C-alpha atoms as a PDB file:
ATOM      1  CA  UNK A   1     100.546 115.324 121.676  1.00  0.00           C
ATOM      2  CA  UNK A   2      96.830 116.364 121.941  1.00  0.00           C
ATOM      3  CA  UNK A   3      93.369 114.310 122.067  1.00  0.00           C
ATOM      4  CA  UNK A   4      92.814 111.355 119.767  1.00  0.00           C
ATOM      5  CA  UNK A   5      89.972 109.320 118.997  1.00  0.00           C
ATOM      6  CA  UNK A   6      90.421 105.523 119.548  1.00  0.00           C
ATOM      7  CA  UNK A   7      88.671 102.739 117.679  1.00  0.00           C
ATOM      8  CA  UNK A   8      88.302  99.094 119.240  1.00  0.00           C
ATOM      9  CA  UNK A   9      92.070  98.072 117.985  1.00  0.00           C
ATOM     10  CA  UNK A  10      93.416 100.450 119.971  1.00  0.00           C
ATOM     11  CA  UNK A  11      92.223  99.275 122.860  1.00  0.00           C
ATOM     12  CA  UNK A  12      93.210  95.793 122.178  1.00  0.00           C
ATOM     13  CA  UNK A  13      96.740  97.030 121.585  1.00  0.00           C
ATOM     14  CA  UNK A  14      96.672  98.800 124.910  1.00  0.00           C
ATOM     15  CA  UNK A  15      97.227 102.164 123.736  1.00  0.00           C
ATOM     16  CA  UNK A  16      94.895 104.076 126.365  1.00  0.00           C
ATOM     17  CA  UNK A  17      96.338 101.930 129.138  1.00  0.00           C
ATOM     18  CA  UNK A  18     100.078 102.957 128.475  1.00  0.00           C
ATOM     19  CA  UNK A  19      99.325 106.655 128.108  1.00  0.00           C
ATOM     20  CA  UNK A  20      98.092 109.753 130.254  1.00  0.00           C
ATOM     21  CA  UNK A  21      96.870 111.453 127.306  1.00  0.00           C
ATOM     22  CA  UNK A  22      93.128 112.422 126.947  1.00  0.00           C
ATOM     23  CA  UNK A  23      91.552 110.104 124.515  1.00  0.00           C
ATOM     24  CA  UNK A  24      88.071 110.010 123.109  1.00  0.00           C
ATOM     25  CA  UNK A  25      85.826 107.014 121.862  1.00  0.00           C
ATOM     26  CA  UNK A  26      82.197 106.533 120.941  1.00  0.00           C
ATOM     27  CA  UNK A  27      79.821 104.372 123.043  1.00  0.00           C
ATOM     28  CA  UNK A  28      79.542 101.869 120.334  1.00  0.00           C
ATOM     29  CA  UNK A  29      83.320 101.070 120.645  1.00  0.00           C
ATOM     30  CA  UNK A  30      83.054 101.316 124.101  1.00  0.00           C
ATOM     31  CA  UNK A  31      80.025  98.713 124.130  1.00  0.00           C
ATOM     32  CA  UNK A  32      82.562  96.607 122.026  1.00  0.00           C
ATOM     33  CA  UNK A  33      85.543  96.883 124.510  1.00  0.00           C
ATOM     34  CA  UNK A  34      84.097  97.231 127.996  1.00  0.00           C
ATOM     35  CA  UNK A  35      85.102  93.808 128.592  1.00  0.00           C
ATOM     36  CA  UNK A  36      88.551  94.450 128.461  1.00  0.00           C
ATOM     37  CA  UNK A  37      90.455  94.170 131.654  1.00  0.00           C
ATOM     38  CA  UNK A  38      87.177  94.109 133.480  1.00  0.00           C
ATOM     39  CA  UNK A  39      88.377  92.514 136.496  1.00  0.00           C
ATOM     40  CA  UNK A  40      90.645  95.818 137.167  1.00  0.00           C
ATOM     41  CA  UNK A  41      87.937  97.980 136.031  1.00  0.00           C
ATOM     42  CA  UNK A  42      90.779  99.383 133.895  1.00  0.00           C
ATOM     43  CA  UNK A  43      88.167 100.973 131.331  1.00  0.00           C
ATOM     44  CA  UNK A  44      86.297 102.596 134.329  1.00  0.00           C
ATOM     45  CA  UNK A  45      89.600 103.790 135.822  1.00  0.00           C
ATOM     46  CA  UNK A  46      90.285 105.708 132.456  1.00  0.00           C
ATOM     47  CA  UNK A  47      87.003 107.422 132.486  1.00  0.00           C
ATOM     48  CA  UNK A  48      87.094 108.421 136.028  1.00  0.00           C
ATOM     49  CA  UNK A  49      90.651 109.972 135.362  1.00  0.00           C
ATOM     50  CA  UNK A  50      89.337 111.799 132.285  1.00  0.00           C
ATOM     51  CA  UNK A  51      91.938 109.760 130.323  1.00  0.00           C
ATOM     52  CA  UNK A  52      88.954 108.243 128.221  1.00  0.00           C
ATOM     53  CA  UNK A  53      86.096 110.618 127.108  1.00  0.00           C
ATOM     54  CA  UNK A  54      82.940 108.776 125.610  1.00  0.00           C
ATOM     55  CA  UNK A  55      81.222 110.891 123.109  1.00  0.00           C
ATOM     56  CA  UNK A  56      79.085 110.465 119.925  1.00  0.00           C
ATOM     57  CA  UNK A  57      79.485 111.943 116.647  1.00  0.00           C
ATOM     58  CA  UNK A  58      76.634 114.500 115.645  1.00  0.00           C
ATOM     59  CA  UNK A  59      74.321 113.285 112.734  1.00  0.00           C
ATOM     60  CA  UNK A  60      75.870 115.558 110.068  1.00  0.00           C
ATOM     61  CA  UNK A  61      79.510 114.003 110.499  1.00  0.00           C
ATOM     62  CA  UNK A  62      78.110 110.421 110.611  1.00  0.00           C
ATOM     63  CA  UNK A  63      76.112 111.144 107.461  1.00  0.00           C
ATOM     64  CA  UNK A  64      79.251 112.565 105.543  1.00  0.00           C
ATOM     65  CA  UNK A  65      81.166 109.396 106.597  1.00  0.00           C
ATOM     66  CA  UNK A  66      78.312 106.841 105.542  1.00  0.00           C
ATOM     67  CA  UNK A  67      78.367 108.682 102.443  1.00  0.00           C
ATOM     68  CA  UNK A  68      82.013 108.563 101.944  1.00  0.00           C
ATOM     69  CA  UNK A  69      82.354 104.800 102.700  1.00  0.00           C
ATOM     70  CA  UNK A  70      79.663 103.978 100.212  1.00  0.00           C
ATOM     71  CA  UNK A  71      81.618 105.893  97.560  1.00  0.00           C
ATOM     72  CA  UNK A  72      84.734 104.034  98.103  1.00  0.00           C
ATOM     73  CA  UNK A  73      83.328 100.658  98.581  1.00  0.00           C
ATOM     74  CA  UNK A  74      84.245 100.176 102.350  1.00  0.00           C
ATOM     75  CA  UNK A  75      80.874 100.576 103.609  1.00  0.00           C
ATOM     76  CA  UNK A  76      79.943  96.839 103.868  1.00  0.00           C
ATOM     77  CA  UNK A  77      82.958  96.329 105.685  1.00  0.00           C
ATOM     78  CA  UNK A  78      82.651  98.648 108.460  1.00  0.00           C
ATOM     79  CA  UNK A  79      80.730  98.336 111.783  1.00  0.00           C
ATOM     80  CA  UNK A  80      78.361 101.146 113.205  1.00  0.00           C
ATOM     81  CA  UNK A  81      81.299 101.287 115.675  1.00  0.00           C
ATOM     82  CA  UNK A  82      83.784 101.826 112.981  1.00  0.00           C
ATOM     83  CA  UNK A  83      81.623 104.771 111.463  1.00  0.00           C
ATOM     84  CA  UNK A  84      81.141 106.218 114.652  1.00  0.00           C
ATOM     85  CA  UNK A  85      84.857 106.544 115.394  1.00  0.00           C
ATOM     86  CA  UNK A  86      85.644 107.967 111.871  1.00  0.00           C
ATOM     87  CA  UNK A  87      82.856 110.470 112.459  1.00  0.00           C
ATOM     88  CA  UNK A  88      84.277 111.479 115.744  1.00  0.00           C
ATOM     89  CA  UNK A  89      87.490 112.100 114.670  1.00  0.00           C
ATOM     90  CA  UNK A  90      86.203 114.130 111.612  1.00  0.00           C
ATOM     91  CA  UNK A  91      84.178 116.278 114.050  1.00  0.00           C
ATOM     92  CA  UNK A  92      86.820 116.623 116.614  1.00  0.00           C
ATOM     93  CA  UNK A  93      89.287 117.315 113.847  1.00  0.00           C
ATOM     94  CA  UNK A  94      91.914 115.126 115.696  1.00  0.00           C
ATOM     95  CA  UNK A  95      93.886 111.914 114.897  1.00  0.00           C
ATOM     96  CA  UNK A  96      92.266 108.474 114.659  1.00  0.00           C
ATOM     97  CA  UNK A  97      94.221 105.532 115.947  1.00  0.00           C
ATOM     98  CA  UNK A  98      93.240 102.305 113.935  1.00  0.00           C
ATOM     99  CA  UNK A  99      94.760  99.047 112.365  1.00  0.00           C
ATOM    100  CA  UNK A 100      91.559  98.623 110.310  1.00  0.00           C
ATOM    101  CA  UNK A 101      92.385  98.927 106.548  1.00  0.00           C
ATOM    102  CA  UNK A 102      88.837 100.056 105.735  1.00  0.00           C
ATOM    103  CA  UNK A 103      88.533 102.515 108.591  1.00  0.00           C
ATOM    104  CA  UNK A 104      91.921 103.898 107.385  1.00  0.00           C
ATOM    105  CA  UNK A 105      90.820 104.388 103.721  1.00  0.00           C
ATOM    106  CA  UNK A 106      87.701 106.262 104.557  1.00  0.00           C
ATOM    107  CA  UNK A 107      89.303 108.248 107.262  1.00  0.00           C
ATOM    108  CA  UNK A 108      92.215 109.444 104.761  1.00  0.00           C
ATOM    109  CA  UNK A 109      89.607 110.223 102.009  1.00  0.00           C
ATOM    110  CA  UNK A 110      87.869 112.520 104.434  1.00  0.00           C
ATOM    111  CA  UNK A 111      91.428 114.252 105.406  1.00  0.00           C
ATOM    112  CA  UNK A 112      91.771 112.398 109.046  1.00  0.00           C
ATOM    113  CA  UNK A 113      95.277 111.786 110.175  1.00  0.00           C
ATOM    114  CA  UNK A 114      95.375 108.248 110.631  1.00  0.00           C
ATOM    115  CA  UNK A 115      97.995 106.564 113.037  1.00  0.00           C
ATOM    116  CA  UNK A 116      98.256 102.893 112.823  1.00  0.00           C
ATOM    117  CA  UNK A 117      99.386 100.879 115.795  1.00  0.00           C
ATOM    118  CA  UNK A 118     100.615  97.231 115.197  1.00  0.00           C
ATOM    119  CA  UNK A 119     100.779  97.843 110.902  1.00  0.00           C
ATOM    120  CA  UNK A 120     102.322  99.825 108.567  1.00  0.00           C
ATOM    121  CA  UNK A 121      98.793 101.200 107.818  1.00  0.00           C
ATOM    122  CA  UNK A 122      97.603 101.662 104.433  1.00  0.00           C
ATOM    123  CA  UNK A 123      99.656 102.742 101.313  1.00  0.00           C
ATOM    124  CA  UNK A 124      97.332 104.167  98.960  1.00  0.00           C
ATOM    125  CA  UNK A 125      93.483 105.616  99.233  1.00  0.00           C
ATOM    126  CA  UNK A 126      91.267 104.130  96.648  1.00  0.00           C
ATOM    127  CA  UNK A 127      87.893 102.489  95.725  1.00  0.00           C
ATOM    128  CA  UNK A 128      87.120  99.180  96.064  1.00  0.00           C
ATOM    129  CA  UNK A 129      85.867  97.445  92.951  1.00  0.00           C
ATOM    130  CA  UNK A 130      84.073  93.653  93.085  1.00  0.00           C
ATOM    131  CA  UNK A 131      84.748  91.509  90.444  1.00  0.00           C
ATOM    132  CA  UNK A 132      83.747  87.849  89.600  1.00  0.00           C
ATOM    133  CA  UNK A 133      87.037  85.879  89.121  1.00  0.00           C
ATOM    134  CA  UNK A 134      84.984  83.214  86.991  1.00  0.00           C
ATOM    135  CA  UNK A 135      83.170  85.468  84.208  1.00  0.00           C
ATOM    136  CA  UNK A 136      85.039  88.677  84.796  1.00  0.00           C
ATOM    137  CA  UNK A 137      82.398  90.945  85.408  1.00  0.00           C
ATOM    138  CA  UNK A 138      82.286  94.120  87.830  1.00  0.00           C
ATOM    139  CA  UNK A 139      80.097  94.687  90.301  1.00  0.00           C
ATOM    140  CA  UNK A 140      78.859  97.528  92.863  1.00  0.00           C
ATOM    141  CA  UNK A 141      77.445  95.890  95.973  1.00  0.00           C
ATOM    142  CA  UNK A 142      76.945  91.995  96.001  1.00  0.00           C
ATOM    143  CA  UNK A 143      78.453  89.043  97.553  1.00  0.00           C
ATOM    144  CA  UNK A 144      77.898  86.391  94.701  1.00  0.00           C
ATOM    145  CA  UNK A 145      78.062  86.860  90.760  1.00  0.00           C
ATOM    146  CA  UNK A 146      74.507  86.934  89.549  1.00  0.00           C
ATOM    147  CA  UNK A 147      75.716  85.266  86.292  1.00  0.00           C
ATOM    148  CA  UNK A 148      77.303  82.212  87.263  1.00  0.00           C
ATOM    149  CA  UNK A 149      76.982  81.909  91.287  1.00  0.00           C
ATOM    150  CA  UNK A 150      80.759  82.401  92.111  1.00  0.00           C
ATOM    151  CA  UNK A 151      82.026  84.342  94.995  1.00  0.00           C
ATOM    152  CA  UNK A 152      82.944  87.743  94.271  1.00  0.00           C
ATOM    153  CA  UNK A 153      86.543  89.130  95.105  1.00  0.00           C
ATOM    154  CA  UNK A 154      87.356  92.913  95.579  1.00  0.00           C
ATOM    155  CA  UNK A 155      90.565  94.724  94.636  1.00  0.00           C
ATOM    156  CA  UNK A 156      91.208  98.453  95.400  1.00  0.00           C
ATOM    157  CA  UNK A 157      91.446 100.682  92.334  1.00  0.00           C
END
């Protein structure tokens, strides 16, 4: 197996600790997970043994991922760390290890191979539509219906 990019869920599942493979992650993901096994300095050992390489994506890839995430309706459900992990995977042209459905949806739209950890992963790639369950109106980007005040729900189209 070659290199791969890990998002935060991969660290919580223990993926890099059980492998001798070379893995990549971004500084934003590192900031999210650096508390894991801190008492043993496990993350630092991964870095020192070159089993974990911290690298941030180039702006061109981040811009492409942001655009795709907005088009798919996933943008508001992704953290900056999520966006950076997808971008780095796109830049390096390697698989992305994640259990996050929004990350998977955007990654698959960009042609990235997604490997789920503890789930079956997403079955379909699509676009999220937001709708008001009370007045049956569709919206693009909002949390509350401006017509009746109900909280919006979303569905994958």
